[in-house]
Amino acid sequence: KKSRWNSISKLLREIAIKEGVDTNPQALKEIAVKSQGDVRSAINT
């Protein structure tokens, strides 16, 4: 199944911290929602 947006958002937050990227949590949520369950697309975005 496609991954849920909240799981993708959590993964994006972990990556952003490791890469030292200052992000707004709401922005990460928007990326996760618009990726439509595609984890690879969310990370690339």
Full PDB file with SEQRES, HELIX, SHEET, SSBOND, CRYST1, ORIGX, SCALE, CONECT and MASTER records, all heavy atoms in Angstrom:
SEQRES   1 A   45  LYS LYS SER ARG TRP ASN SER ILE SER LYS LEU LEU ARG          
SEQRES   2 A   45  GLU ILE ALA ILE LYS GLU GLY VAL ASP THR ASN PRO GLN          
SEQRES   3 A   45  ALA LEU LYS GLU ILE ALA VAL LYS SER GLN GLY ASP VAL          
SEQRES   4 A   45  ARG SER ALA ILE ASN THR                                      
HELIX    1 AA1 TRP A    5  GLU A   19  1                                  15    
HELIX    2 AA2 PRO A   25  LYS A   34  1                                  10    
HELIX    3 AA3 VAL A   39  ASN A   44  1                                   6    
CRYST1    1.000    1.000    1.000  90.00  90.00  90.00 P 1           1          
ORIGX1      1.000000  0.000000  0.000000        0.00000                         
ORIGX2      0.000000  1.000000  0.000000        0.00000                         
ORIGX3      0.000000  0.000000  1.000000        0.00000                         
SCALE1      1.000000  0.000000  0.000000        0.00000                         
SCALE2      0.000000  1.000000  0.000000        0.00000                         
SCALE3      0.000000  0.000000  1.000000        0.00000                         
ATOM      1  N   LYS A   1       0.841  -1.207   0.000  1.00  0.00           N  
ATOM      2  CA  LYS A   1       0.000   0.000   0.000  1.00  0.00           C  
ATOM      3  C   LYS A   1       0.874   1.255   0.000  1.00  0.00           C  
ATOM      4  O   LYS A   1       2.048   1.214   0.376  1.00  0.00           O  
ATOM      5  CB  LYS A   1      -0.897   0.016   1.243  1.00  0.00           C  
ATOM      6  CG  LYS A   1      -1.770  -1.215   1.412  1.00  0.00           C  
ATOM      7  CD  LYS A   1      -2.604  -1.087   2.671  1.00  0.00           C  
ATOM      8  CE  LYS A   1      -3.397  -2.353   2.949  1.00  0.00           C  
ATOM      9  NZ  LYS A   1      -2.527  -3.492   3.331  1.00  0.00           N  
ATOM     10  N   LYS A   2       0.250   2.361  -0.414  1.00  0.00           N  
ATOM     11  CA  LYS A   2       0.947   3.645  -0.340  1.00  0.00           C  
ATOM     12  C   LYS A   2       1.129   4.032   1.121  1.00  0.00           C  
ATOM     13  O   LYS A   2       0.279   3.760   1.972  1.00  0.00           O  
ATOM     14  CB  LYS A   2       0.132   4.723  -1.054  1.00  0.00           C  
ATOM     15  CG  LYS A   2       0.036   4.545  -2.561  1.00  0.00           C  
ATOM     16  CD  LYS A   2      -0.761   5.674  -3.179  1.00  0.00           C  
ATOM     17  CE  LYS A   2      -0.838   5.525  -4.677  1.00  0.00           C  
ATOM     18  NZ  LYS A   2      -1.604   6.625  -5.311  1.00  0.00           N  
ATOM     19  N   SER A   3       2.254   4.663   1.400  1.00  0.00           N  
ATOM     20  CA  SER A   3       2.524   5.097   2.776  1.00  0.00           C  
ATOM     21  C   SER A   3       1.645   6.296   3.138  1.00  0.00           C  
ATOM     22  O   SER A   3       1.342   7.131   2.279  1.00  0.00           O  
ATOM     23  CB  SER A   3       3.999   5.483   2.920  1.00  0.00           C  
ATOM     24  OG  SER A   3       4.827   4.385   2.621  1.00  0.00           O  
ATOM     25  N   ARG A   4       1.256   6.387   4.388  1.00  0.00           N  
ATOM     26  CA  ARG A   4       0.431   7.501   4.841  1.00  0.00           C  
ATOM     27  C   ARG A   4       1.273   8.763   4.981  1.00  0.00           C  
ATOM     28  O   ARG A   4       2.485   8.697   5.237  1.00  0.00           O  
ATOM     29  CB  ARG A   4      -0.234   7.151   6.175  1.00  0.00           C  
ATOM     30  CG  ARG A   4      -1.180   5.967   6.071  1.00  0.00           C  
ATOM     31  CD  ARG A   4      -1.931   5.755   7.362  1.00  0.00           C  
ATOM     32  NE  ARG A   4      -2.857   4.640   7.266  1.00  0.00           N  
ATOM     33  CZ  ARG A   4      -3.723   4.310   8.220  1.00  0.00           C  
ATOM     34  NH1 ARG A   4      -3.757   5.019   9.353  1.00  0.00           N  
ATOM     35  NH2 ARG A   4      -4.535   3.290   8.058  1.00  0.00           N  
ATOM     36  N   TRP A   5       0.599   9.882   4.866  1.00  0.00           N  
ATOM     37  CA  TRP A   5       1.321  11.151   4.858  1.00  0.00           C  
ATOM     38  C   TRP A   5       2.057  11.410   6.172  1.00  0.00           C  
ATOM     39  O   TRP A   5       3.134  11.996   6.185  1.00  0.00           O  
ATOM     40  CB  TRP A   5       0.376  12.306   4.549  1.00  0.00           C  
ATOM     41  CG  TRP A   5      -0.619  12.623   5.648  1.00  0.00           C  
ATOM     42  CD1 TRP A   5      -1.893  12.179   5.756  1.00  0.00           C  
ATOM     43  CD2 TRP A   5      -0.388  13.452   6.790  1.00  0.00           C  
ATOM     44  NE1 TRP A   5      -2.486  12.657   6.893  1.00  0.00           N  
ATOM     45  CE2 TRP A   5      -1.577  13.459   7.552  1.00  0.00           C  
ATOM     46  CE3 TRP A   5       0.698  14.188   7.261  1.00  0.00           C  
ATOM     47  CZ2 TRP A   5      -1.719  14.169   8.739  1.00  0.00           C  
ATOM     48  CZ3 TRP A   5       0.571  14.901   8.443  1.00  0.00           C  
ATOM     49  CH2 TRP A   5      -0.617  14.895   9.161  1.00  0.00           C  
ATOM     50  N   ASN A   6       1.469  10.949   7.306  1.00  0.00           N  
ATOM     51  CA  ASN A   6       2.125  11.214   8.589  1.00  0.00           C  
ATOM     52  C   ASN A   6       3.423  10.413   8.732  1.00  0.00           C  
ATOM     53  O   ASN A   6       4.401  10.892   9.317  1.00  0.00           O  
ATOM     54  CB  ASN A   6       1.181  10.934   9.761  1.00  0.00           C  
ATOM     55  CG  ASN A   6       0.515   9.578   9.657  1.00  0.00           C  
ATOM     56  OD1 ASN A   6       0.726   8.841   8.700  1.00  0.00           O  
ATOM     57  ND2 ASN A   6      -0.288   9.251  10.639  1.00  0.00           N  
ATOM     58  N   SER A   7       3.459   9.188   8.167  1.00  0.00           N  
ATOM     59  CA  SER A   7       4.696   8.401   8.200  1.00  0.00           C  
ATOM     60  C   SER A   7       5.763   9.032   7.318  1.00  0.00           C  
ATOM     61  O   SER A   7       6.948   9.074   7.681  1.00  0.00           O  
ATOM     62  CB  SER A   7       4.414   6.967   7.731  1.00  0.00           C  
ATOM     63  OG  SER A   7       3.473   6.335   8.574  1.00  0.00           O  
ATOM     64  N   ILE A   8       5.326   9.546   6.162  1.00  0.00           N  
ATOM     65  CA  ILE A   8       6.276  10.196   5.253  1.00  0.00           C  
ATOM     66  C   ILE A   8       6.796  11.490   5.877  1.00  0.00           C  
ATOM     67  O   ILE A   8       7.988  11.807   5.797  1.00  0.00           O  
ATOM     68  CB  ILE A   8       5.605  10.484   3.887  1.00  0.00           C  
ATOM     69  CG1 ILE A   8       5.190   9.166   3.220  1.00  0.00           C  
ATOM     70  CG2 ILE A   8       6.544  11.256   2.972  1.00  0.00           C  
ATOM     71  CD1 ILE A   8       4.429   9.342   1.918  1.00  0.00           C  
ATOM     72  N   SER A   9       5.906  12.250   6.513  1.00  0.00           N  
ATOM     73  CA  SER A   9       6.302  13.501   7.153  1.00  0.00           C  
ATOM     74  C   SER A   9       7.344  13.251   8.246  1.00  0.00           C  
ATOM     75  O   SER A   9       8.316  14.018   8.394  1.00  0.00           O  
ATOM     76  CB  SER A   9       5.071  14.193   7.749  1.00  0.00           C  
ATOM     77  OG  SER A   9       5.425  15.400   8.380  1.00  0.00           O  
ATOM     78  N   LYS A  10       7.176  12.190   9.012  1.00  0.00           N  
ATOM     79  CA  LYS A  10       8.136  11.840  10.068  1.00  0.00           C  
ATOM     80  C   LYS A  10       9.502  11.532   9.468  1.00  0.00           C  
ATOM     81  O   LYS A  10      10.542  11.970   9.969  1.00  0.00           O  
ATOM     82  CB  LYS A  10       7.605  10.643  10.849  1.00  0.00           C  
ATOM     83  CG  LYS A  10       8.531  10.190  11.966  1.00  0.00           C  
ATOM     84  CD  LYS A  10       7.960   8.964  12.669  1.00  0.00           C  
ATOM     85  CE  LYS A  10       8.933   8.466  13.736  1.00  0.00           C  
ATOM     86  NZ  LYS A  10       8.422   7.224  14.384  1.00  0.00           N  
ATOM     87  N   LEU A  11       9.505  10.766   8.362  1.00  0.00           N  
ATOM     88  CA  LEU A  11      10.756  10.428   7.695  1.00  0.00           C  
ATOM     89  C   LEU A  11      11.446  11.686   7.155  1.00  0.00           C  
ATOM     90  O   LEU A  11      12.669  11.851   7.290  1.00  0.00           O  
ATOM     91  CB  LEU A  11      10.498   9.438   6.566  1.00  0.00           C  
ATOM     92  CG  LEU A  11      11.694   9.072   5.680  1.00  0.00           C  
ATOM     93  CD1 LEU A  11      12.772   8.356   6.500  1.00  0.00           C  
ATOM     94  CD2 LEU A  11      11.254   8.201   4.504  1.00  0.00           C  
ATOM     95  N   LEU A  12      10.670  12.592   6.559  1.00  0.00           N  
ATOM     96  CA  LEU A  12      11.233  13.838   6.017  1.00  0.00           C  
ATOM     97  C   LEU A  12      11.853  14.693   7.121  1.00  0.00           C  
ATOM     98  O   LEU A  12      12.899  15.327   6.923  1.00  0.00           O  
ATOM     99  CB  LEU A  12      10.142  14.628   5.286  1.00  0.00           C  
ATOM    100  CG  LEU A  12       9.551  13.985   4.019  1.00  0.00           C  
ATOM    101  CD1 LEU A  12       8.472  14.885   3.437  1.00  0.00           C  
ATOM    102  CD2 LEU A  12      10.624  13.701   2.986  1.00  0.00           C  
ATOM    103  N   ARG A  13      11.215  14.709   8.288  1.00  0.00           N  
ATOM    104  CA  ARG A  13      11.732  15.490   9.417  1.00  0.00           C  
ATOM    105  C   ARG A  13      13.074  14.931   9.883  1.00  0.00           C  
ATOM    106  O   ARG A  13      14.013  15.696  10.185  1.00  0.00           O  
ATOM    107  CB  ARG A  13      10.713  15.505  10.559  1.00  0.00           C  
ATOM    108  CG  ARG A  13      11.119  16.401  11.723  1.00  0.00           C  
ATOM    109  CD  ARG A  13       9.965  16.677  12.676  1.00  0.00           C  
ATOM    110  NE  ARG A  13       9.380  15.464  13.216  1.00  0.00           N  
ATOM    111  CZ  ARG A  13       8.191  14.974  12.852  1.00  0.00           C  
ATOM    112  NH1 ARG A  13       7.462  15.605  11.932  1.00  0.00           N  
ATOM    113  NH2 ARG A  13       7.718  13.859  13.392  1.00  0.00           N  
ATOM    114  N   GLU A  14      13.198  13.609   9.915  1.00  0.00           N  
ATOM    115  CA  GLU A  14      14.454  12.971  10.314  1.00  0.00           C  
ATOM    116  C   GLU A  14      15.568  13.289   9.318  1.00  0.00           C  
ATOM    117  O   GLU A  14      16.715  13.565   9.704  1.00  0.00           O  
ATOM    118  CB  GLU A  14      14.253  11.461  10.432  1.00  0.00           C  
ATOM    119  CG  GLU A  14      13.337  11.046  11.570  1.00  0.00           C  
ATOM    120  CD  GLU A  14      13.025   9.565  11.547  1.00  0.00           C  
ATOM    121  OE1 GLU A  14      13.467   8.879  10.584  1.00  0.00           O  
ATOM    122  OE2 GLU A  14      12.329   9.079  12.471  1.00  0.00           O  
ATOM    123  N   ILE A  15      15.241  13.252   8.036  1.00  0.00           N  
ATOM    124  CA  ILE A  15      16.243  13.557   7.003  1.00  0.00           C  
ATOM    125  C   ILE A  15      16.662  15.019   7.088  1.00  0.00           C  
ATOM    126  O   ILE A  15      17.849  15.360   6.969  1.00  0.00           O  
ATOM    127  CB  ILE A  15      15.683  13.222   5.594  1.00  0.00           C  
ATOM    128  CG1 ILE A  15      15.475  11.714   5.454  1.00  0.00           C  
ATOM    129  CG2 ILE A  15      16.607  13.741   4.502  1.00  0.00           C  
ATOM    130  CD1 ILE A  15      14.793  11.299   4.146  1.00  0.00           C  
ATOM    131  N   ALA A  16      15.686  15.916   7.270  1.00  0.00           N  
ATOM    132  CA  ALA A  16      15.982  17.354   7.359  1.00  0.00           C  
ATOM    133  C   ALA A  16      16.921  17.652   8.530  1.00  0.00           C  
ATOM    134  O   ALA A  16      17.846  18.466   8.417  1.00  0.00           O  
ATOM    135  CB  ALA A  16      14.683  18.138   7.500  1.00  0.00           C  
ATOM    136  N   ILE A  17      16.706  16.977   9.671  1.00  0.00           N  
ATOM    137  CA  ILE A  17      17.568  17.189  10.840  1.00  0.00           C  
ATOM    138  C   ILE A  17      18.995  16.726  10.541  1.00  0.00           C  
ATOM    139  O   ILE A  17      19.976  17.415  10.853  1.00  0.00           O  
ATOM    140  CB  ILE A  17      16.997  16.449  12.074  1.00  0.00           C  
ATOM    141  CG1 ILE A  17      15.669  17.087  12.497  1.00  0.00           C  
ATOM    142  CG2 ILE A  17      18.001  16.447  13.224  1.00  0.00           C  
ATOM    143  CD1 ILE A  17      14.934  16.315  13.572  1.00  0.00           C  
ATOM    144  N   LYS A  18      19.113  15.545   9.916  1.00  0.00           N  
ATOM    145  CA  LYS A  18      20.439  15.013   9.600  1.00  0.00           C  
ATOM    146  C   LYS A  18      21.180  15.891   8.589  1.00  0.00           C  
ATOM    147  O   LYS A  18      22.412  15.989   8.628  1.00  0.00           O  
ATOM    148  CB  LYS A  18      20.313  13.586   9.062  1.00  0.00           C  
ATOM    149  CG  LYS A  18      19.861  12.583  10.110  1.00  0.00           C  
ATOM    150  CD  LYS A  18      19.692  11.194   9.513  1.00  0.00           C  
ATOM    151  CE  LYS A  18      19.203  10.203  10.571  1.00  0.00           C  
ATOM    152  NZ  LYS A  18      18.988   8.842  10.001  1.00  0.00           N  
ATOM    153  N   GLU A  19      20.420  16.515   7.676  1.00  0.00           N  
ATOM    154  CA  GLU A  19      21.042  17.357   6.644  1.00  0.00           C  
ATOM    155  C   GLU A  19      21.184  18.812   7.100  1.00  0.00           C  
ATOM    156  O   GLU A  19      21.718  19.642   6.352  1.00  0.00           O  
ATOM    157  CB  GLU A  19      20.213  17.298   5.359  1.00  0.00           C  
ATOM    158  CG  GLU A  19      20.240  15.952   4.658  1.00  0.00           C  
ATOM    159  CD  GLU A  19      21.625  15.610   4.108  1.00  0.00           C  
ATOM    160  OE1 GLU A  19      22.371  16.551   3.742  1.00  0.00           O  
ATOM    161  OE2 GLU A  19      21.955  14.397   4.039  1.00  0.00           O  
ATOM    162  N   GLY A  20      20.703  19.133   8.295  1.00  0.00           N  
ATOM    163  CA  GLY A  20      20.810  20.483   8.812  1.00  0.00           C  
ATOM    164  C   GLY A  20      19.931  21.480   8.087  1.00  0.00           C  
ATOM    165  O   GLY A  20      20.272  22.664   7.968  1.00  0.00           O  
ATOM    166  N   VAL A  21      18.777  21.028   7.620  1.00  0.00           N  
ATOM    167  CA  VAL A  21      17.850  21.891   6.886  1.00  0.00           C  
ATOM    168  C   VAL A  21      16.808  22.426   7.853  1.00  0.00           C  
ATOM    169  O   VAL A  21      16.151  21.653   8.577  1.00  0.00           O  
ATOM    170  CB  VAL A  21      17.156  21.122   5.724  1.00  0.00           C  
ATOM    171  CG1 VAL A  21      16.190  22.043   4.999  1.00  0.00           C  
ATOM    172  CG2 VAL A  21      18.192  20.555   4.765  1.00  0.00           C  
ATOM    173  N   ASP A  22      16.655  23.744   7.878  1.00  0.00           N  
ATOM    174  CA  ASP A  22      15.669  24.387   8.746  1.00  0.00           C  
ATOM    175  C   ASP A  22      14.316  24.336   8.035  1.00  0.00           C  
ATOM    176  O   ASP A  22      14.131  24.943   6.978  1.00  0.00           O  
ATOM    177  CB  ASP A  22      16.077  25.826   9.020  1.00  0.00           C  
ATOM    178  CG  ASP A  22      15.198  26.471  10.100  1.00  0.00           C  
ATOM    179  OD1 ASP A  22      14.347  25.751  10.668  1.00  0.00           O  
ATOM    180  OD2 ASP A  22      15.363  27.678  10.353  1.00  0.00           O  
ATOM    181  N   THR A  23      13.372  23.615   8.587  1.00  0.00           N  
ATOM    182  CA  THR A  23      12.084  23.421   7.919  1.00  0.00           C  
ATOM    183  C   THR A  23      10.919  23.730   8.847  1.00  0.00           C  
ATOM    184  O   THR A  23      11.002  23.523  10.069  1.00  0.00           O  
ATOM    185  CB  THR A  23      11.928  21.956   7.428  1.00  0.00           C  
ATOM    186  OG1 THR A  23      12.031  21.078   8.549  1.00  0.00           O  
ATOM    187  CG2 THR A  23      13.001  21.614   6.412  1.00  0.00           C  
ATOM    188  N   ASN A  24       9.848  24.195   8.247  1.00  0.00           N  
ATOM    189  CA  ASN A  24       8.598  24.384   8.953  1.00  0.00           C  
ATOM    190  C   ASN A  24       7.844  23.046   8.918  1.00  0.00           C  
ATOM    191  O   ASN A  24       7.641  22.477   7.837  1.00  0.00           O  
ATOM    192  CB  ASN A  24       7.784  25.477   8.266  1.00  0.00           C  
ATOM    193  CG  ASN A  24       6.500  25.801   9.000  1.00  0.00           C  
ATOM    194  OD1 ASN A  24       5.898  24.947   9.636  1.00  0.00           O  
ATOM    195  ND2 ASN A  24       6.068  27.048   8.904  1.00  0.00           N  
ATOM    196  N   PRO A  25       7.465  22.486  10.080  1.00  0.00           N  
ATOM    197  CA  PRO A  25       6.765  21.196  10.100  1.00  0.00           C  
ATOM    198  C   PRO A  25       5.547  21.159   9.162  1.00  0.00           C  
ATOM    199  O   PRO A  25       5.248  20.113   8.565  1.00  0.00           O  
ATOM    200  CB  PRO A  25       6.348  21.044  11.568  1.00  0.00           C  
ATOM    201  CG  PRO A  25       7.347  21.860  12.318  1.00  0.00           C  
ATOM    202  CD  PRO A  25       7.657  23.026  11.436  1.00  0.00           C  
ATOM    203  N   GLN A  26       4.846  22.286   9.035  1.00  0.00           N  
ATOM    204  CA  GLN A  26       3.681  22.338   8.152  1.00  0.00           C  
ATOM    205  C   GLN A  26       4.104  22.174   6.693  1.00  0.00           C  
ATOM    206  O   GLN A  26       3.380  21.579   5.891  1.00  0.00           O  
ATOM    207  CB  GLN A  26       2.932  23.660   8.349  1.00  0.00           C  
ATOM    208  CG  GLN A  26       1.585  23.729   7.649  1.00  0.00           C  
ATOM    209  CD  GLN A  26       0.601  22.700   8.170  1.00  0.00           C  
ATOM    210  OE1 GLN A  26       0.686  22.299   9.340  1.00  0.00           O  
ATOM    211  NE2 GLN A  26      -0.304  22.257   7.321  1.00  0.00           N  
ATOM    212  N   ALA A  27       5.314  22.682   6.359  1.00  0.00           N  
ATOM    213  CA  ALA A  27       5.821  22.530   4.995  1.00  0.00           C  
ATOM    214  C   ALA A  27       6.104  21.060   4.686  1.00  0.00           C  
ATOM    215  O   ALA A  27       5.821  20.573   3.582  1.00  0.00           O  
ATOM    216  CB  ALA A  27       7.076  23.371   4.806  1.00  0.00           C  
ATOM    217  N   LEU A  28       6.661  20.340   5.677  1.00  0.00           N  
ATOM    218  CA  LEU A  28       6.931  18.914   5.497  1.00  0.00           C  
ATOM    219  C   LEU A  28       5.627  18.132   5.321  1.00  0.00           C  
ATOM    220  O   LEU A  28       5.553  17.185   4.521  1.00  0.00           O  
ATOM    221  CB  LEU A  28       7.718  18.371   6.691  1.00  0.00           C  
ATOM    222  CG  LEU A  28       9.130  18.949   6.903  1.00  0.00           C  
ATOM    223  CD1 LEU A  28       9.768  18.326   8.134  1.00  0.00           C  
ATOM    224  CD2 LEU A  28       9.992  18.730   5.673  1.00  0.00           C  
ATOM    225  N   LYS A  29       4.609  18.563   6.057  1.00  0.00           N  
ATOM    226  CA  LYS A  29       3.307  17.915   5.928  1.00  0.00           C  
ATOM    227  C   LYS A  29       2.755  18.098   4.514  1.00  0.00           C  
ATOM    228  O   LYS A  29       2.207  17.158   3.908  1.00  0.00           O  
ATOM    229  CB  LYS A  29       2.330  18.471   6.954  1.00  0.00           C  
ATOM    230  CG  LYS A  29       0.925  17.894   6.827  1.00  0.00           C  
ATOM    231  CD  LYS A  29      -0.043  18.536   7.824  1.00  0.00           C  
ATOM    232  CE  LYS A  29      -1.459  18.016   7.611  1.00  0.00           C  
ATOM    233  NZ  LYS A  29      -2.425  18.642   8.539  1.00  0.00           N  
ATOM    234  N   GLU A  30       2.896  19.316   3.978  1.00  0.00           N  
ATOM    235  CA  GLU A  30       2.401  19.600   2.624  1.00  0.00           C  
ATOM    236  C   GLU A  30       3.111  18.745   1.590  1.00  0.00           C  
ATOM    237  O   GLU A  30       2.499  18.228   0.646  1.00  0.00           O  
ATOM    238  CB  GLU A  30       2.581  21.088   2.302  1.00  0.00           C  
ATOM    239  CG  GLU A  30       1.643  22.009   3.058  1.00  0.00           C  
ATOM    240  CD  GLU A  30       0.193  21.771   2.685  1.00  0.00           C  
ATOM    241  OE1 GLU A  30      -0.084  21.567   1.490  1.00  0.00           O  
ATOM    242  OE2 GLU A  30      -0.655  21.782   3.595  1.00  0.00           O  
ATOM    243  N   ILE A  31       4.432  18.600   1.754  1.00  0.00           N  
ATOM    244  CA  ILE A  31       5.184  17.749   0.821  1.00  0.00           C  
ATOM    245  C   ILE A  31       4.683  16.311   0.899  1.00  0.00           C  
ATOM    246  O   ILE A  31       4.481  15.642  -0.125  1.00  0.00           O  
ATOM    247  CB  ILE A  31       6.696  17.800   1.131  1.00  0.00           C  
ATOM    248  CG1 ILE A  31       7.247  19.203   0.884  1.00  0.00           C  
ATOM    249  CG2 ILE A  31       7.452  16.787   0.281  1.00  0.00           C  
ATOM    250  CD1 ILE A  31       8.710  19.358   1.283  1.00  0.00           C  
ATOM    251  N   ALA A  32       4.478  15.812   2.116  1.00  0.00           N  
ATOM    252  CA  ALA A  32       4.025  14.431   2.317  1.00  0.00           C  
ATOM    253  C   ALA A  32       2.651  14.202   1.706  1.00  0.00           C  
ATOM    254  O   ALA A  32       2.404  13.185   1.053  1.00  0.00           O  
ATOM    255  CB  ALA A  32       4.008  14.110   3.810  1.00  0.00           C  
ATOM    256  N   VAL A  33       1.743  15.157   1.906  1.00  0.00           N  
ATOM    257  CA  VAL A  33       0.380  15.016   1.376  1.00  0.00           C  
ATOM    258  C   VAL A  33       0.395  15.029  -0.153  1.00  0.00           C  
ATOM    259  O   VAL A  33      -0.268  14.207  -0.814  1.00  0.00           O  
ATOM    260  CB  VAL A  33      -0.524  16.140   1.927  1.00  0.00           C  
ATOM    261  CG1 VAL A  33      -1.866  16.147   1.197  1.00  0.00           C  
ATOM    262  CG2 VAL A  33      -0.736  15.967   3.424  1.00  0.00           C  
ATOM    263  N   LYS A  34       1.151  15.973  -0.734  1.00  0.00           N  
ATOM    264  CA  LYS A  34       1.168  16.112  -2.187  1.00  0.00           C  
ATOM    265  C   LYS A  34       1.942  14.993  -2.888  1.00  0.00           C  
ATOM    266  O   LYS A  34       1.793  14.808  -4.098  1.00  0.00           O  
ATOM    267  CB  LYS A  34       1.753  17.471  -2.568  1.00  0.00           C  
ATOM    268  CG  LYS A  34       0.841  18.634  -2.203  1.00  0.00           C  
ATOM    269  CD  LYS A  34       1.345  19.955  -2.780  1.00  0.00           C  
ATOM    270  CE  LYS A  34       0.345  21.079  -2.485  1.00  0.00           C  
ATOM    271  NZ  LYS A  34       0.753  22.355  -3.102  1.00  0.00           N  
ATOM    272  N   SER A  35       2.736  14.243  -2.147  1.00  0.00           N  
ATOM    273  CA  SER A  35       3.467  13.122  -2.761  1.00  0.00           C  
ATOM    274  C   SER A  35       2.561  11.935  -3.032  1.00  0.00           C  
ATOM    275  O   SER A  35       2.947  11.007  -3.751  1.00  0.00           O  
ATOM    276  CB  SER A  35       4.615  12.689  -1.855  1.00  0.00           C  
ATOM    277  OG  SER A  35       4.120  12.088  -0.670  1.00  0.00           O  
ATOM    278  N   GLN A  36       1.343  11.941  -2.440  1.00  0.00           N  
ATOM    279  CA  GLN A  36       0.349  10.889  -2.681  1.00  0.00           C  
ATOM    280  C   GLN A  36       0.885   9.486  -2.373  1.00  0.00           C  
ATOM    281  O   GLN A  36       0.661   8.533  -3.109  1.00  0.00           O  
ATOM    282  CB  GLN A  36      -0.132  10.944  -4.131  1.00  0.00           C  
ATOM    283  CG  GLN A  36      -0.903  12.198  -4.496  1.00  0.00           C  
ATOM    284  CD  GLN A  36      -2.283  12.235  -3.840  1.00  0.00           C  
ATOM    285  OE1 GLN A  36      -3.093  11.333  -4.019  1.00  0.00           O  
ATOM    286  NE2 GLN A  36      -2.538  13.265  -3.074  1.00  0.00           N  
ATOM    287  N   GLY A  37       1.632   9.376  -1.255  1.00  0.00           N  
ATOM    288  CA  GLY A  37       2.102   8.064  -0.820  1.00  0.00           C  
ATOM    289  C   GLY A  37       3.396   7.608  -1.439  1.00  0.00           C  
ATOM    290  O   GLY A  37       3.891   6.523  -1.123  1.00  0.00           O  
ATOM    291  N   ASP A  38       3.994   8.406  -2.324  1.00  0.00           N  
ATOM    292  CA  ASP A  38       5.246   8.052  -2.982  1.00  0.00           C  
ATOM    293  C   ASP A  38       6.410   8.587  -2.145  1.00  0.00           C  
ATOM    294  O   ASP A  38       6.726   9.779  -2.176  1.00  0.00           O  
ATOM    295  CB  ASP A  38       5.275   8.646  -4.392  1.00  0.00           C  
ATOM    296  CG  ASP A  38       6.439   8.126  -5.224  1.00  0.00           C  
ATOM    297  OD1 ASP A  38       7.472   7.763  -4.631  1.00  0.00           O  
ATOM    298  OD2 ASP A  38       6.329   8.098  -6.461  1.00  0.00           O  
ATOM    299  N   VAL A  39       7.063   7.704  -1.387  1.00  0.00           N  
ATOM    300  CA  VAL A  39       8.146   8.109  -0.495  1.00  0.00           C  
ATOM    301  C   VAL A  39       9.322   8.674  -1.291  1.00  0.00           C  
ATOM    302  O   VAL A  39       9.911   9.693  -0.924  1.00  0.00           O  
ATOM    303  CB  VAL A  39       8.614   6.915   0.367  1.00  0.00           C  
ATOM    304  CG1 VAL A  39       9.758   7.334   1.288  1.00  0.00           C  
ATOM    305  CG2 VAL A  39       7.457   6.358   1.180  1.00  0.00           C  
ATOM    306  N   ARG A  40       9.645   8.018  -2.380  1.00  0.00           N  
ATOM    307  CA  ARG A  40      10.772   8.464  -3.201  1.00  0.00           C  
ATOM    308  C   ARG A  40      10.543   9.877  -3.730  1.00  0.00           C  
ATOM    309  O   ARG A  40      11.437  10.721  -3.716  1.00  0.00           O  
ATOM    310  CB  ARG A  40      10.965   7.480  -4.365  1.00  0.00           C  
ATOM    311  CG  ARG A  40      12.140   7.811  -5.283  1.00  0.00           C  
ATOM    312  CD  ARG A  40      12.385   6.666  -6.247  1.00  0.00           C  
ATOM    313  NE  ARG A  40      11.182   6.344  -6.998  1.00  0.00           N  
ATOM    314  CZ  ARG A  40      10.963   5.153  -7.550  1.00  0.00           C  
ATOM    315  NH1 ARG A  40      11.850   4.186  -7.412  1.00  0.00           N  
ATOM    316  NH2 ARG A  40       9.861   4.929  -8.236  1.00  0.00           N  
ATOM    317  N   SER A  41       9.317  10.137  -4.208  1.00  0.00           N  
ATOM    318  CA  SER A  41       8.988  11.459  -4.722  1.00  0.00           C  
ATOM    319  C   SER A  41       9.090  12.517  -3.623  1.00  0.00           C  
ATOM    320  O   SER A  41       9.584  13.631  -3.858  1.00  0.00           O  
ATOM    321  CB  SER A  41       7.566  11.449  -5.305  1.00  0.00           C  
ATOM    322  OG  SER A  41       7.157  12.741  -5.670  1.00  0.00           O  
ATOM    323  N   ALA A  42       8.659  12.184  -2.404  1.00  0.00           N  
ATOM    324  CA  ALA A  42       8.700  13.141  -1.288  1.00  0.00           C  
ATOM    325  C   ALA A  42      10.134  13.499  -0.928  1.00  0.00           C  
ATOM    326  O   ALA A  42      10.460  14.677  -0.698  1.00  0.00           O  
ATOM    327  CB  ALA A  42       7.977  12.548  -0.081  1.00  0.00           C  
ATOM    328  N   ILE A  43      11.006  12.493  -0.885  1.00  0.00           N  
ATOM    329  CA  ILE A  43      12.414  12.758  -0.536  1.00  0.00           C  
ATOM    330  C   ILE A  43      13.083  13.599  -1.622  1.00  0.00           C  
ATOM    331  O   ILE A  43      13.837  14.544  -1.332  1.00  0.00           O  
ATOM    332  CB  ILE A  43      13.178  11.437  -0.322  1.00  0.00           C  
ATOM    333  CG1 ILE A  43      12.584  10.678   0.870  1.00  0.00           C  
ATOM    334  CG2 ILE A  43      14.663  11.699  -0.104  1.00  0.00           C  
ATOM    335  CD1 ILE A  43      13.179   9.288   1.074  1.00  0.00           C  
ATOM    336  N   ASN A  44      12.823  13.283  -2.884  1.00  0.00           N  
ATOM    337  CA  ASN A  44      13.410  14.062  -3.984  1.00  0.00           C  
ATOM    338  C   ASN A  44      12.932  15.515  -3.950  1.00  0.00           C  
ATOM    339  O   ASN A  44      13.699  16.448  -4.221  1.00  0.00           O  
ATOM    340  CB  ASN A  44      13.053  13.427  -5.327  1.00  0.00           C  
ATOM    341  CG  ASN A  44      13.826  12.142  -5.586  1.00  0.00           C  
ATOM    342  OD1 ASN A  44      14.925  11.959  -5.060  1.00  0.00           O  
ATOM    343  ND2 ASN A  44      13.265  11.257  -6.399  1.00  0.00           N  
ATOM    344  N   THR A  45      11.655  15.709  -3.606  1.00  0.00           N  
ATOM    345  CA  THR A  45      11.113  17.073  -3.516  1.00  0.00           C  
ATOM    346  C   THR A  45      11.777  17.855  -2.391  1.00  0.00           C  
ATOM    347  O   THR A  45      12.132  19.028  -2.552  1.00  0.00           O  
ATOM    348  CB  THR A  45       9.588  17.020  -3.288  1.00  0.00           C  
ATOM    349  OG1 THR A  45       8.972  16.313  -4.365  1.00  0.00           O  
ATOM    350  CG2 THR A  45       9.005  18.423  -3.205  1.00  0.00           C  
TER     351      THR A  45                                                      
MASTER        0    0    0    3    0    0    0    6  350    1    0    4          
END                                                                             
